[in-house]
Amino acid sequence: MKTPERILEAVRKYYRKNRAKKILQNRDYRLKTKFGISLELYNSMIQDRDGLCDICKRESNGRGSLHVDHDHVSGKIRGLLCSNCNLALGMFQDSRATILAAEKYLRGEK
C-alpha cells in the first residue's frame, strides 16, 4: 500500500513531467475560444513580427508573451501588443479621439 507521501510525490512527478504540455494545451484552448486562432497561428504571428510589439516595436517587456489585440466590437484581431501598449489602449478605451488628444498633449498643444 502506498503511503500518502509516496502518492503525493508521484503526483508531483507527473505534474512536473507534463506541465509544459499542459500549459501549451491551455494556451491553445484560450486562443481558439477567445480569438478563433490556434497556437500555431499565434506563434506564426509572433515570428512575422520578430517577437516585437506592433506599436512600440519592443519585446514583451519581460512580462510573458505578446497579447492578442482585437476590436472589442467586431472581434477582429488587429495585431500583437506588449503588456504596456495593450494596457494603454485599454485605459484609453480604444478611443481614437482620446489617443489623439493625448498625442496633442505630449506635443505641448492645447
PDB file of N, CA and C in Angstrom:
ATOM      1  N   MET A   1       0.845  -1.176   0.000  1.00  0.00           N
ATOM      2  CA  MET A   1       0.000   0.000   0.000  1.00  0.00           C
ATOM      3  C   MET A   1       0.891   1.240   0.000  1.00  0.00           C
ATOM      4  N   LYS A   2       0.554   2.201  -0.874  1.00  0.00           N
ATOM      5  CA  LYS A   2       1.336   3.426  -0.952  1.00  0.00           C
ATOM      6  C   LYS A   2       0.942   4.373   0.169  1.00  0.00           C
ATOM      7  N   THR A   3       1.938   5.006   0.711  1.00  0.00           N
ATOM      8  CA  THR A   3       1.678   5.987   1.753  1.00  0.00           C
ATOM      9  C   THR A   3       1.236   7.293   1.096  1.00  0.00           C
ATOM     10  N   PRO A   4       0.567   8.174   1.824  1.00  0.00           N
ATOM     11  CA  PRO A   4       0.165   9.458   1.254  1.00  0.00           C
ATOM     12  C   PRO A   4       1.352  10.248   0.698  1.00  0.00           C
ATOM     13  N   GLU A   5       2.495  10.149   1.348  1.00  0.00           N
ATOM     14  CA  GLU A   5       3.678  10.866   0.882  1.00  0.00           C
ATOM     15  C   GLU A   5       4.138  10.346  -0.480  1.00  0.00           C
ATOM     16  N   ARG A   6       4.093   9.028  -0.662  1.00  0.00           N
ATOM     17  CA  ARG A   6       4.512   8.455  -1.950  1.00  0.00           C
ATOM     18  C   ARG A   6       3.516   8.810  -3.046  1.00  0.00           C
ATOM     19  N   ILE A   7       2.258   8.828  -2.708  1.00  0.00           N
ATOM     20  CA  ILE A   7       1.230   9.209  -3.687  1.00  0.00           C
ATOM     21  C   ILE A   7       1.436  10.664  -4.092  1.00  0.00           C
ATOM     22  N   LEU A   8       1.659  11.518  -3.105  1.00  0.00           N
ATOM     23  CA  LEU A   8       1.885  12.933  -3.376  1.00  0.00           C
ATOM     24  C   LEU A   8       3.126  13.134  -4.239  1.00  0.00           C
ATOM     25  N   GLU A   9       4.184  12.418  -3.967  1.00  0.00           N
ATOM     26  CA  GLU A   9       5.408  12.526  -4.761  1.00  0.00           C
ATOM     27  C   GLU A   9       5.166  12.051  -6.192  1.00  0.00           C
ATOM     28  N   ALA A  10       4.372  11.003  -6.367  1.00  0.00           N
ATOM     29  CA  ALA A  10       4.045  10.514  -7.713  1.00  0.00           C
ATOM     30  C   ALA A  10       3.243  11.567  -8.481  1.00  0.00           C
ATOM     31  N   VAL A  11       2.315  12.221  -7.806  1.00  0.00           N
ATOM     32  CA  VAL A  11       1.519  13.276  -8.442  1.00  0.00           C
ATOM     33  C   VAL A  11       2.429  14.439  -8.841  1.00  0.00           C
ATOM     34  N   ARG A  12       3.318  14.839  -7.948  1.00  0.00           N
ATOM     35  CA  ARG A  12       4.257  15.938  -8.252  1.00  0.00           C
ATOM     36  C   ARG A  12       5.151  15.596  -9.440  1.00  0.00           C
ATOM     37  N   LYS A  13       5.629  14.370  -9.484  1.00  0.00           N
ATOM     38  CA  LYS A  13       6.486  13.925 -10.585  1.00  0.00           C
ATOM     39  C   LYS A  13       5.716  13.987 -11.909  1.00  0.00           C
ATOM     40  N   TYR A  14       4.479  13.500 -11.908  1.00  0.00           N
ATOM     41  CA  TYR A  14       3.641  13.535 -13.109  1.00  0.00           C
ATOM     42  C   TYR A  14       3.408  14.984 -13.537  1.00  0.00           C
ATOM     43  N   TYR A  15       3.114  15.848 -12.569  1.00  0.00           N
ATOM     44  CA  TYR A  15       2.852  17.257 -12.869  1.00  0.00           C
ATOM     45  C   TYR A  15       4.077  17.916 -13.499  1.00  0.00           C
ATOM     46  N   ARG A  16       5.245  17.699 -12.919  1.00  0.00           N
ATOM     47  CA  ARG A  16       6.471  18.283 -13.470  1.00  0.00           C
ATOM     48  C   ARG A  16       6.717  17.798 -14.891  1.00  0.00           C
ATOM     49  N   LYS A  17       6.479  16.522 -15.114  1.00  0.00           N
ATOM     50  CA  LYS A  17       6.731  15.922 -16.423  1.00  0.00           C
ATOM     51  C   LYS A  17       5.783  16.484 -17.493  1.00  0.00           C
ATOM     52  N   ASN A  18       4.547  16.745 -17.123  1.00  0.00           N
ATOM     53  CA  ASN A  18       3.531  17.127 -18.104  1.00  0.00           C
ATOM     54  C   ASN A  18       3.147  18.607 -18.068  1.00  0.00           C
ATOM     55  N   ARG A  19       3.812  19.378 -17.238  1.00  0.00           N
ATOM     56  CA  ARG A  19       3.441  20.783 -17.057  1.00  0.00           C
ATOM     57  C   ARG A  19       3.535  21.588 -18.350  1.00  0.00           C
ATOM     58  N   ALA A  20       4.649  21.503 -19.047  1.00  0.00           N
ATOM     59  CA  ALA A  20       4.842  22.294 -20.263  1.00  0.00           C
ATOM     60  C   ALA A  20       3.780  21.950 -21.306  1.00  0.00           C
ATOM     61  N   LYS A  21       3.507  20.677 -21.467  1.00  0.00           N
ATOM     62  CA  LYS A  21       2.500  20.244 -22.435  1.00  0.00           C
ATOM     63  C   LYS A  21       1.125  20.797 -22.065  1.00  0.00           C
ATOM     64  N   LYS A  22       0.805  20.765 -20.793  1.00  0.00           N
ATOM     65  CA  LYS A  22      -0.491  21.251 -20.317  1.00  0.00           C
ATOM     66  C   LYS A  22      -0.615  22.762 -20.521  1.00  0.00           C
ATOM     67  N   ILE A  23       0.466  23.488 -20.273  1.00  0.00           N
ATOM     68  CA  ILE A  23       0.459  24.936 -20.476  1.00  0.00           C
ATOM     69  C   ILE A  23       0.170  25.261 -21.934  1.00  0.00           C
ATOM     70  N   LEU A  24       0.819  24.550 -22.855  1.00  0.00           N
ATOM     71  CA  LEU A  24       0.592  24.782 -24.282  1.00  0.00           C
ATOM     72  C   LEU A  24      -0.837  24.430 -24.679  1.00  0.00           C
ATOM     73  N   GLN A  25      -1.365  23.346 -24.140  1.00  0.00           N
ATOM     74  CA  GLN A  25      -2.752  22.962 -24.435  1.00  0.00           C
ATOM     75  C   GLN A  25      -3.720  24.029 -23.938  1.00  0.00           C
ATOM     76  N   ASN A  26      -3.475  24.552 -22.738  1.00  0.00           N
ATOM     77  CA  ASN A  26      -4.347  25.588 -22.187  1.00  0.00           C
ATOM     78  C   ASN A  26      -4.284  26.865 -23.010  1.00  0.00           C
ATOM     79  N   ARG A  27      -3.071  27.252 -23.414  1.00  0.00           N
ATOM     80  CA  ARG A  27      -2.926  28.461 -24.228  1.00  0.00           C
ATOM     81  C   ARG A  27      -3.633  28.292 -25.568  1.00  0.00           C
ATOM     82  N   ASP A  28      -3.470  27.129 -26.197  1.00  0.00           N
ATOM     83  CA  ASP A  28      -4.127  26.851 -27.471  1.00  0.00           C
ATOM     84  C   ASP A  28      -5.645  26.943 -27.307  1.00  0.00           C
ATOM     85  N   TYR A  29      -6.165  26.369 -26.245  1.00  0.00           N
ATOM     86  CA  TYR A  29      -7.609  26.399 -25.976  1.00  0.00           C
ATOM     87  C   TYR A  29      -8.097  27.843 -25.801  1.00  0.00           C
ATOM     88  N   ARG A  30      -7.364  28.640 -25.008  1.00  0.00           N
ATOM     89  CA  ARG A  30      -7.778  30.033 -24.772  1.00  0.00           C
ATOM     90  C   ARG A  30      -7.738  30.850 -26.066  1.00  0.00           C
ATOM     91  N   LEU A  31      -6.694  30.669 -26.875  1.00  0.00           N
ATOM     92  CA  LEU A  31      -6.600  31.401 -28.136  1.00  0.00           C
ATOM     93  C   LEU A  31      -7.746  31.032 -29.072  1.00  0.00           C
ATOM     94  N   LYS A  32      -8.082  29.755 -29.120  1.00  0.00           N
ATOM     95  CA  LYS A  32      -9.171  29.300 -30.001  1.00  0.00           C
ATOM     96  C   LYS A  32     -10.520  29.816 -29.534  1.00  0.00           C
ATOM     97  N   THR A  33     -10.771  29.743 -28.234  1.00  0.00           N
ATOM     98  CA  THR A  33     -12.086  30.149 -27.738  1.00  0.00           C
ATOM     99  C   THR A  33     -12.261  31.661 -27.717  1.00  0.00           C
ATOM    100  N   LYS A  34     -11.208  32.402 -27.413  1.00  0.00           N
ATOM    101  CA  LYS A  34     -11.337  33.853 -27.296  1.00  0.00           C
ATOM    102  C   LYS A  34     -11.157  34.583 -28.620  1.00  0.00           C
ATOM    103  N   PHE A  35     -10.200  34.114 -29.452  1.00  0.00           N
ATOM    104  CA  PHE A  35      -9.872  34.845 -30.674  1.00  0.00           C
ATOM    105  C   PHE A  35     -10.067  34.047 -31.954  1.00  0.00           C
ATOM    106  N   GLY A  36     -10.342  32.757 -31.841  1.00  0.00           N
ATOM    107  CA  GLY A  36     -10.555  31.933 -33.028  1.00  0.00           C
ATOM    108  C   GLY A  36      -9.281  31.579 -33.772  1.00  0.00           C
ATOM    109  N   ILE A  37      -8.128  31.630 -33.087  1.00  0.00           N
ATOM    110  CA  ILE A  37      -6.865  31.278 -33.734  1.00  0.00           C
ATOM    111  C   ILE A  37      -6.191  30.154 -32.947  1.00  0.00           C
ATOM    112  N   SER A  38      -5.344  29.414 -33.631  1.00  0.00           N
ATOM    113  CA  SER A  38      -4.619  28.328 -32.977  1.00  0.00           C
ATOM    114  C   SER A  38      -3.302  28.855 -32.406  1.00  0.00           C
ATOM    115  N   LEU A  39      -2.716  28.070 -31.543  1.00  0.00           N
ATOM    116  CA  LEU A  39      -1.398  28.406 -31.004  1.00  0.00           C
ATOM    117  C   LEU A  39      -0.379  28.469 -32.140  1.00  0.00           C
ATOM    118  N   GLU A  40      -0.540  27.598 -33.117  1.00  0.00           N
ATOM    119  CA  GLU A  40       0.364  27.589 -34.274  1.00  0.00           C
ATOM    120  C   GLU A  40       0.293  28.914 -35.035  1.00  0.00           C
ATOM    121  N   LEU A  41      -0.916  29.422 -35.254  1.00  0.00           N
ATOM    122  CA  LEU A  41      -1.068  30.706 -35.947  1.00  0.00           C
ATOM    123  C   LEU A  41      -0.518  31.850 -35.095  1.00  0.00           C
ATOM    124  N   TYR A  42      -0.788  31.822 -33.797  1.00  0.00           N
ATOM    125  CA  TYR A  42      -0.250  32.835 -32.888  1.00  0.00           C
ATOM    126  C   TYR A  42       1.279  32.855 -32.951  1.00  0.00           C
ATOM    127  N   ASN A  43       1.893  31.683 -32.888  1.00  0.00           N
ATOM    128  CA  ASN A  43       3.361  31.607 -32.961  1.00  0.00           C
ATOM    129  C   ASN A  43       3.876  32.135 -34.292  1.00  0.00           C
ATOM    130  N   SER A  44       3.130  31.885 -35.361  1.00  0.00           N
ATOM    131  CA  SER A  44       3.492  32.397 -36.681  1.00  0.00           C
ATOM    132  C   SER A  44       3.409  33.926 -36.697  1.00  0.00           C
ATOM    133  N   MET A  45       2.374  34.480 -36.052  1.00  0.00           N
ATOM    134  CA  MET A  45       2.230  35.933 -35.960  1.00  0.00           C
ATOM    135  C   MET A  45       3.406  36.541 -35.184  1.00  0.00           C
ATOM    136  N   ILE A  46       3.819  35.873 -34.109  1.00  0.00           N
ATOM    137  CA  ILE A  46       4.971  36.331 -33.322  1.00  0.00           C
ATOM    138  C   ILE A  46       6.214  36.351 -34.216  1.00  0.00           C
ATOM    139  N   GLN A  47       6.394  35.273 -34.971  1.00  0.00           N
ATOM    140  CA  GLN A  47       7.569  35.152 -35.835  1.00  0.00           C
ATOM    141  C   GLN A  47       7.562  36.235 -36.916  1.00  0.00           C
ATOM    142  N   ASP A  48       6.393  36.521 -37.491  1.00  0.00           N
ATOM    143  CA  ASP A  48       6.281  37.550 -38.531  1.00  0.00           C
ATOM    144  C   ASP A  48       6.716  38.924 -38.024  1.00  0.00           C
ATOM    145  N   ARG A  49       6.574  39.148 -36.716  1.00  0.00           N
ATOM    146  CA  ARG A  49       6.902  40.441 -36.119  1.00  0.00           C
ATOM    147  C   ARG A  49       8.260  40.418 -35.421  1.00  0.00           C
ATOM    148  N   ASP A  50       8.985  39.334 -35.573  1.00  0.00           N
ATOM    149  CA  ASP A  50      10.264  39.147 -34.870  1.00  0.00           C
ATOM    150  C   ASP A  50      10.085  39.274 -33.362  1.00  0.00           C
ATOM    151  N   GLY A  51       8.909  38.915 -32.855  1.00  0.00           N
ATOM    152  CA  GLY A  51       8.631  38.953 -31.422  1.00  0.00           C
ATOM    153  C   GLY A  51       8.458  40.351 -30.862  1.00  0.00           C
ATOM    154  N   LEU A  52       8.200  41.336 -31.736  1.00  0.00           N
ATOM    155  CA  LEU A  52       8.094  42.730 -31.298  1.00  0.00           C
ATOM    156  C   LEU A  52       6.653  43.226 -31.317  1.00  0.00           C
ATOM    157  N   CYS A  53       6.359  44.133 -30.405  1.00  0.00           N
ATOM    158  CA  CYS A  53       5.043  44.765 -30.287  1.00  0.00           C
ATOM    159  C   CYS A  53       4.744  45.577 -31.552  1.00  0.00           C
ATOM    160  N   ASP A  54       3.504  45.545 -32.010  1.00  0.00           N
ATOM    161  CA  ASP A  54       3.114  46.292 -33.208  1.00  0.00           C
ATOM    162  C   ASP A  54       3.133  47.801 -33.003  1.00  0.00           C
ATOM    163  N   ILE A  55       3.078  48.274 -31.772  1.00  0.00           N
ATOM    164  CA  ILE A  55       3.072  49.716 -31.521  1.00  0.00           C
ATOM    165  C   ILE A  55       4.468  50.232 -31.203  1.00  0.00           C
ATOM    166  N   CYS A  56       5.071  49.746 -30.133  1.00  0.00           N
ATOM    167  CA  CYS A  56       6.353  50.306 -29.673  1.00  0.00           C
ATOM    168  C   CYS A  56       7.575  49.604 -30.264  1.00  0.00           C
ATOM    169  N   LYS A  57       7.356  48.495 -30.954  1.00  0.00           N
ATOM    170  CA  LYS A  57       8.430  47.728 -31.600  1.00  0.00           C
ATOM    171  C   LYS A  57       9.455  47.188 -30.615  1.00  0.00           C
ATOM    172  N   ARG A  58       9.026  46.967 -29.372  1.00  0.00           N
ATOM    173  CA  ARG A  58       9.882  46.355 -28.364  1.00  0.00           C
ATOM    174  C   ARG A  58       9.389  44.946 -28.079  1.00  0.00           C
ATOM    175  N   GLU A  59      10.237  44.193 -27.366  1.00  0.00           N
ATOM    176  CA  GLU A  59       9.814  42.860 -26.947  1.00  0.00           C
ATOM    177  C   GLU A  59       8.752  42.995 -25.870  1.00  0.00           C
ATOM    178  N   SER A  60       8.287  41.905 -25.354  1.00  0.00           N
ATOM    179  CA  SER A  60       7.123  41.906 -24.472  1.00  0.00           C
ATOM    180  C   SER A  60       7.365  42.410 -23.057  1.00  0.00           C
ATOM    181  N   ASN A  61       8.329  43.275 -22.852  1.00  0.00           N
ATOM    182  CA  ASN A  61       8.577  43.922 -21.558  1.00  0.00           C
ATOM    183  C   ASN A  61       8.863  42.929 -20.440  1.00  0.00           C
ATOM    184  N   GLY A  62       9.312  41.729 -20.772  1.00  0.00           N
ATOM    185  CA  GLY A  62       9.622  40.742 -19.751  1.00  0.00           C
ATOM    186  C   GLY A  62       8.409  40.222 -18.998  1.00  0.00           C
ATOM    187  N   ARG A  63       7.230  40.481 -19.501  1.00  0.00           N
ATOM    188  CA  ARG A  63       6.005  40.044 -18.818  1.00  0.00           C
ATOM    189  C   ARG A  63       5.279  38.980 -19.622  1.00  0.00           C
ATOM    190  N   GLY A  64       6.000  38.036 -20.111  1.00  0.00           N
ATOM    191  CA  GLY A  64       5.352  36.977 -20.869  1.00  0.00           C
ATOM    192  C   GLY A  64       5.310  37.287 -22.347  1.00  0.00           C
ATOM    193  N   SER A  65       4.372  36.696 -23.013  1.00  0.00           N
ATOM    194  CA  SER A  65       4.294  36.823 -24.458  1.00  0.00           C
ATOM    195  C   SER A  65       3.459  38.035 -24.860  1.00  0.00           C
ATOM    196  N   LEU A  66       3.426  38.296 -26.145  1.00  0.00           N
ATOM    197  CA  LEU A  66       2.634  39.402 -26.662  1.00  0.00           C
ATOM    198  C   LEU A  66       1.149  39.083 -26.559  1.00  0.00           C
ATOM    199  N   HIS A  67       0.357  40.107 -26.329  1.00  0.00           N
ATOM    200  CA  HIS A  67      -1.090  39.965 -26.187  1.00  0.00           C
ATOM    201  C   HIS A  67      -1.762  40.116 -27.550  1.00  0.00           C
ATOM    202  N   VAL A  68      -2.807  39.346 -27.763  1.00  0.00           N
ATOM    203  CA  VAL A  68      -3.591  39.470 -28.985  1.00  0.00           C
ATOM    204  C   VAL A  68      -4.505  40.678 -28.806  1.00  0.00           C
ATOM    205  N   ASP A  69      -4.318  41.694 -29.653  1.00  0.00           N
ATOM    206  CA  ASP A  69      -5.164  42.885 -29.602  1.00  0.00           C
ATOM    207  C   ASP A  69      -6.288  42.708 -30.613  1.00  0.00           C
ATOM    208  N   HIS A  70      -7.496  43.044 -30.181  1.00  0.00           N
ATOM    209  CA  HIS A  70      -8.650  42.875 -31.068  1.00  0.00           C
ATOM    210  C   HIS A  70      -9.643  44.006 -30.858  1.00  0.00           C
ATOM    211  N   ASP A  71     -10.439  44.240 -31.880  1.00  0.00           N
ATOM    212  CA  ASP A  71     -11.523  45.210 -31.802  1.00  0.00           C
ATOM    213  C   ASP A  71     -12.616  44.598 -30.943  1.00  0.00           C
ATOM    214  N   HIS A  72     -13.001  45.292 -29.889  1.00  0.00           N
ATOM    215  CA  HIS A  72     -13.973  44.731 -28.956  1.00  0.00           C
ATOM    216  C   HIS A  72     -15.381  44.702 -29.522  1.00  0.00           C
ATOM    217  N   VAL A  73     -15.639  45.441 -30.585  1.00  0.00           N
ATOM    218  CA  VAL A  73     -16.962  45.426 -31.198  1.00  0.00           C
ATOM    219  C   VAL A  73     -17.058  44.308 -32.233  1.00  0.00           C
ATOM    220  N   SER A  74     -16.112  44.289 -33.174  1.00  0.00           N
ATOM    221  CA  SER A  74     -16.167  43.301 -34.255  1.00  0.00           C
ATOM    222  C   SER A  74     -15.498  41.980 -33.897  1.00  0.00           C
ATOM    223  N   GLY A  75     -14.565  42.029 -32.935  1.00  0.00           N
ATOM    224  CA  GLY A  75     -13.805  40.834 -32.582  1.00  0.00           C
ATOM    225  C   GLY A  75     -12.613  40.596 -33.489  1.00  0.00           C
ATOM    226  N   LYS A  76     -12.442  41.448 -34.507  1.00  0.00           N
ATOM    227  CA  LYS A  76     -11.349  41.285 -35.465  1.00  0.00           C
ATOM    228  C   LYS A  76     -10.005  41.542 -34.787  1.00  0.00           C
ATOM    229  N   ILE A  77      -9.049  40.663 -35.059  1.00  0.00           N
ATOM    230  CA  ILE A  77      -7.700  40.801 -34.500  1.00  0.00           C
ATOM    231  C   ILE A  77      -6.979  41.916 -35.233  1.00  0.00           C
ATOM    232  N   ARG A  78      -6.396  42.848 -34.428  1.00  0.00           N
ATOM    233  CA  ARG A  78      -5.644  43.960 -35.010  1.00  0.00           C
ATOM    234  C   ARG A  78      -4.154  43.674 -35.039  1.00  0.00           C
ATOM    235  N   GLY A  79      -3.653  42.942 -34.052  1.00  0.00           N
ATOM    236  CA  GLY A  79      -2.229  42.669 -34.000  1.00  0.00           C
ATOM    237  C   GLY A  79      -1.814  42.121 -32.657  1.00  0.00           C
ATOM    238  N   LEU A  80      -0.522  42.203 -32.372  1.00  0.00           N
ATOM    239  CA  LEU A  80       0.041  41.713 -31.114  1.00  0.00           C
ATOM    240  C   LEU A  80       0.738  42.867 -30.406  1.00  0.00           C
ATOM    241  N   LEU A  81       0.466  42.989 -29.104  1.00  0.00           N
ATOM    242  CA  LEU A  81       0.992  44.104 -28.329  1.00  0.00           C
ATOM    243  C   LEU A  81       1.684  43.628 -27.063  1.00  0.00           C
ATOM    244  N   CYS A  82       2.675  44.403 -26.616  1.00  0.00           N
ATOM    245  CA  CYS A  82       3.295  44.144 -25.317  1.00  0.00           C
ATOM    246  C   CYS A  82       2.296  44.536 -24.225  1.00  0.00           C
ATOM    247  N   SER A  83       2.599  44.173 -23.011  1.00  0.00           N
ATOM    248  CA  SER A  83       1.700  44.457 -21.894  1.00  0.00           C
ATOM    249  C   SER A  83       1.413  45.950 -21.764  1.00  0.00           C
ATOM    250  N   ASN A  84       2.459  46.771 -21.850  1.00  0.00           N
ATOM    251  CA  ASN A  84       2.271  48.214 -21.673  1.00  0.00           C
ATOM    252  C   ASN A  84       1.355  48.813 -22.735  1.00  0.00           C
ATOM    253  N   CYS A  85       1.598  48.495 -23.989  1.00  0.00           N
ATOM    254  CA  CYS A  85       0.768  49.045 -25.062  1.00  0.00           C
ATOM    255  C   CYS A  85      -0.660  48.505 -24.990  1.00  0.00           C
ATOM    256  N   ASN A  86      -0.802  47.254 -24.646  1.00  0.00           N
ATOM    257  CA  ASN A  86      -2.131  46.663 -24.514  1.00  0.00           C
ATOM    258  C   ASN A  86      -2.909  47.361 -23.388  1.00  0.00           C
ATOM    259  N   LEU A  87      -2.249  47.575 -22.261  1.00  0.00           N
ATOM    260  CA  LEU A  87      -2.892  48.262 -21.138  1.00  0.00           C
ATOM    261  C   LEU A  87      -3.227  49.708 -21.499  1.00  0.00           C
ATOM    262  N   ALA A  88      -2.317  50.380 -22.212  1.00  0.00           N
ATOM    263  CA  ALA A  88      -2.556  51.770 -22.601  1.00  0.00           C
ATOM    264  C   ALA A  88      -3.807  51.886 -23.463  1.00  0.00           C
ATOM    265  N   LEU A  89      -3.930  51.013 -24.461  1.00  0.00           N
ATOM    266  CA  LEU A  89      -5.133  51.051 -25.300  1.00  0.00           C
ATOM    267  C   LEU A  89      -6.380  50.787 -24.468  1.00  0.00           C
ATOM    268  N   GLY A  90      -6.265  49.865 -23.536  1.00  0.00           N
ATOM    269  CA  GLY A  90      -7.397  49.579 -22.660  1.00  0.00           C
ATOM    270  C   GLY A  90      -7.764  50.771 -21.803  1.00  0.00           C
ATOM    271  N   MET A  91      -6.766  51.456 -21.278  1.00  0.00           N
ATOM    272  CA  MET A  91      -7.021  52.644 -20.455  1.00  0.00           C
ATOM    273  C   MET A  91      -7.673  53.759 -21.275  1.00  0.00           C
ATOM    274  N   PHE A  92      -7.280  53.857 -22.553  1.00  0.00           N
ATOM    275  CA  PHE A  92      -7.890  54.843 -23.439  1.00  0.00           C
ATOM    276  C   PHE A  92      -9.220  54.335 -24.010  1.00  0.00           C
ATOM    277  N   GLN A  93      -9.622  53.158 -23.617  1.00  0.00           N
ATOM    278  CA  GLN A  93     -10.874  52.523 -24.047  1.00  0.00           C
ATOM    279  C   GLN A  93     -11.000  52.486 -25.567  1.00  0.00           C
ATOM    280  N   ASP A  94      -9.863  52.264 -26.239  1.00  0.00           N
ATOM    281  CA  ASP A  94      -9.802  52.181 -27.700  1.00  0.00           C
ATOM    282  C   ASP A  94     -10.365  53.430 -28.385  1.00  0.00           C
ATOM    283  N   SER A  95     -10.381  54.550 -27.684  1.00  0.00           N
ATOM    284  CA  SER A  95     -10.925  55.794 -28.231  1.00  0.00           C
ATOM    285  C   SER A  95      -9.859  56.534 -29.032  1.00  0.00           C
ATOM    286  N   ARG A  96     -10.078  56.634 -30.338  1.00  0.00           N
ATOM    287  CA  ARG A  96      -9.122  57.358 -31.185  1.00  0.00           C
ATOM    288  C   ARG A  96      -9.042  58.829 -30.796  1.00  0.00           C
ATOM    289  N   ALA A  97     -10.173  59.409 -30.442  1.00  0.00           N
ATOM    290  CA  ALA A  97     -10.197  60.822 -30.054  1.00  0.00           C
ATOM    291  C   ALA A  97      -9.334  61.053 -28.808  1.00  0.00           C
ATOM    292  N   THR A  98      -9.436  60.161 -27.838  1.00  0.00           N
ATOM    293  CA  THR A  98      -8.653  60.307 -26.612  1.00  0.00           C
ATOM    294  C   THR A  98      -7.169  60.095 -26.888  1.00  0.00           C
ATOM    295  N   ILE A  99      -6.855  59.142 -27.742  1.00  0.00           N
ATOM    296  CA  ILE A  99      -5.453  58.888 -28.088  1.00  0.00           C
ATOM    297  C   ILE A  99      -4.866  60.088 -28.828  1.00  0.00           C
ATOM    298  N   LEU A 100      -5.638  60.682 -29.749  1.00  0.00           N
ATOM    299  CA  LEU A 100      -5.166  61.873 -30.469  1.00  0.00           C
ATOM    300  C   LEU A 100      -5.023  63.063 -29.514  1.00  0.00           C
ATOM    301  N   ALA A 101      -5.926  63.172 -28.549  1.00  0.00           N
ATOM    302  CA  ALA A 101      -5.820  64.237 -27.552  1.00  0.00           C
ATOM    303  C   ALA A 101      -4.556  64.056 -26.713  1.00  0.00           C
ATOM    304  N   ALA A 102      -4.242  62.810 -26.384  1.00  0.00           N
ATOM    305  CA  ALA A 102      -3.016  62.522 -25.626  1.00  0.00           C
ATOM    306  C   ALA A 102      -1.787  62.883 -26.458  1.00  0.00           C
ATOM    307  N   GLU A 103      -1.831  62.604 -27.748  1.00  0.00           N
ATOM    308  CA  GLU A 103      -0.718  62.960 -28.627  1.00  0.00           C
ATOM    309  C   GLU A 103      -0.531  64.478 -28.664  1.00  0.00           C
ATOM    310  N   LYS A 104      -1.639  65.220 -28.788  1.00  0.00           N
ATOM    311  CA  LYS A 104      -1.553  66.688 -28.769  1.00  0.00           C
ATOM    312  C   LYS A 104      -0.964  67.166 -27.446  1.00  0.00           C
ATOM    313  N   TYR A 105      -1.392  66.584 -26.371  1.00  0.00           N
ATOM    314  CA  TYR A 105      -0.888  66.945 -25.049  1.00  0.00           C
ATOM    315  C   TYR A 105       0.621  66.735 -24.965  1.00  0.00           C
ATOM    316  N   LEU A 106       1.091  65.591 -25.472  1.00  0.00           N
ATOM    317  CA  LEU A 106       2.528  65.303 -25.425  1.00  0.00           C
ATOM    318  C   LEU A 106       3.334  66.270 -26.290  1.00  0.00           C
ATOM    319  N   ARG A 107       2.712  66.819 -27.340  1.00  0.00           N
ATOM    320  CA  ARG A 107       3.390  67.802 -28.186  1.00  0.00           C
ATOM    321  C   ARG A 107       3.336  69.207 -27.581  1.00  0.00           C
ATOM    322  N   GLY A 108       2.613  69.348 -26.486  1.00  0.00           N
ATOM    323  CA  GLY A 108       2.512  70.641 -25.814  1.00  0.00           C
ATOM    324  C   GLY A 108       1.409  71.515 -26.371  1.00  0.00           C
ATOM    325  N   GLU A 109       0.530  70.925 -27.174  1.00  0.00           N
ATOM    326  CA  GLU A 109      -0.584  71.689 -27.758  1.00  0.00           C
ATOM    327  C   GLU A 109      -1.780  71.628 -26.817  1.00  0.00           C
ATOM    328  N   LYS A 110      -2.647  72.582 -26.936  1.00  0.00           N
ATOM    329  CA  LYS A 110      -3.861  72.599 -26.091  1.00  0.00           C
ATOM    330  C   LYS A 110      -5.074  72.228 -26.891  1.00  0.00           C
TER     331      LYS A 110
END
